[in-house]
Protein backbone atom coordinates (compact mmCIF):
# COMPACT_ATOMS: atom_id res chain seq x y z
CA MET A 1 7.38 3.52 -8.56
CA ILE A 2 5.55 5.27 -5.75
CA TRP A 3 3.51 3.14 -3.37
CA LEU A 4 0.73 4.54 -1.21
CA LEU A 5 -0.01 2.96 2.15
CA ASN A 6 -2.94 4.28 4.14
CA ARG A 7 -4.15 3.66 7.68
CA THR A 8 -6.52 0.71 7.52
CA HIS A 9 -9.56 1.97 9.42
CA SER A 10 -9.48 5.61 8.37
CA GLU A 11 -11.82 6.94 5.71
CA ALA A 12 -9.78 10.16 5.50
CA ALA A 13 -6.55 8.23 4.85
CA HIS A 14 -8.28 5.99 2.31
CA GLN A 15 -9.69 9.00 0.46
CA ALA A 16 -6.33 10.79 0.53
CA ALA A 17 -4.66 7.69 -0.98
CA GLN A 18 -7.28 7.55 -3.74
CA ASP A 19 -6.82 11.27 -4.48
CA LEU A 20 -3.02 11.01 -4.57
CA HIS A 21 -3.23 7.93 -6.79
CA ARG A 22 -5.47 9.72 -9.30
CA PHE A 23 -3.23 12.79 -9.28
CA ALA A 24 -0.03 10.78 -9.78
CA LEU A 25 -1.52 8.86 -12.69
CA SER A 26 -2.77 12.10 -14.29
CA GLU A 27 0.82 13.42 -14.13
CA GLY A 28 2.24 10.25 -15.68
CA ILE A 29 3.79 9.03 -12.42
CA GLU A 30 3.82 5.29 -11.84
CA CYS A 31 1.88 4.82 -8.62
CA ARG A 32 0.07 1.99 -6.82
CA ILE A 33 -1.91 1.65 -3.64
CA LEU A 34 -0.40 -1.09 -1.49
CA GLU A 35 -2.73 -4.05 -1.21
CA GLN A 36 -2.52 -7.53 0.28
CA GLY A 37 0.14 -9.52 -1.52
CA SER A 38 1.83 -6.59 -3.27
CA GLU A 39 5.48 -5.96 -2.51
CA PRO A 40 7.55 -2.89 -3.37
CA SER A 41 11.18 -3.17 -4.39
CA ALA A 42 14.20 -1.39 -2.94
CA GLU A 43 14.19 1.18 -5.78
CA ASP A 44 10.65 2.30 -4.96
CA MET A 45 9.34 5.00 -2.65
CA MET A 46 6.39 4.85 -0.26
CA ILE A 47 4.04 7.56 0.92
CA VAL A 48 2.48 6.57 4.24
CA LEU A 49 -0.88 8.19 5.02
CA GLY A 50 -1.82 7.82 8.66
CA GLY A 51 -0.26 8.41 12.02
CA ASP A 52 2.80 7.27 13.91
CA GLY A 53 1.49 3.71 14.22
CA THR A 54 1.00 3.38 10.48
CA LEU A 55 4.51 4.71 9.82
CA ILE A 56 6.10 2.40 12.40
CA GLN A 57 4.28 -0.62 10.97
CA ALA A 58 5.39 0.27 7.44
CA ALA A 59 9.00 0.82 8.57
CA ARG A 60 9.07 -2.56 10.30
CA ARG A 61 7.38 -4.37 7.43
CA PHE A 62 9.70 -2.99 4.74
CA ALA A 63 12.93 -2.45 6.72
CA HIS A 64 14.64 -5.26 4.81
CA LEU A 65 14.24 -3.25 1.59
CA GLY A 66 15.67 0.05 2.85
CA LEU A 67 12.64 1.66 1.25
CA ARG A 68 12.45 5.47 1.19
CA MET A 69 9.33 6.67 3.01
CA VAL A 70 7.50 9.95 3.32
CA ALA A 71 4.79 10.27 5.98
CA ILE A 72 1.68 12.43 5.83
CA ASN A 73 0.13 12.77 9.28
CA LEU A 74 -3.55 11.88 9.28
CA GLY A 75 -3.44 10.37 12.77
CA ARG A 76 -4.19 11.72 16.21
CA LEU A 77 -0.77 12.22 17.88
CA GLY A 78 1.89 12.83 15.26
CA TYR A 79 5.14 12.76 17.23
CA ILE A 80 7.01 11.16 14.33
CA THR A 81 4.82 12.28 11.44
CA SER A 82 4.47 15.89 12.57
CA PHE A 83 6.57 17.33 9.73
């Protein structure tokens, strides 16, 4: 399963998450947008849409799972998410 986590107060990140979600579903890929109360498992993957702060928060929140994460920089600085 692929989880999408977007920066909370960013319309661009929210729209990107919606677009990726629709695309994944159209390709038959199991995908969910992370919401309050949902919890990925260690076998899942997460795409983080935002900046460094969003990625750091996600890494801290899900460190206990060893979750694989891919970051897409939609923030302002991008020291970590610049790739």
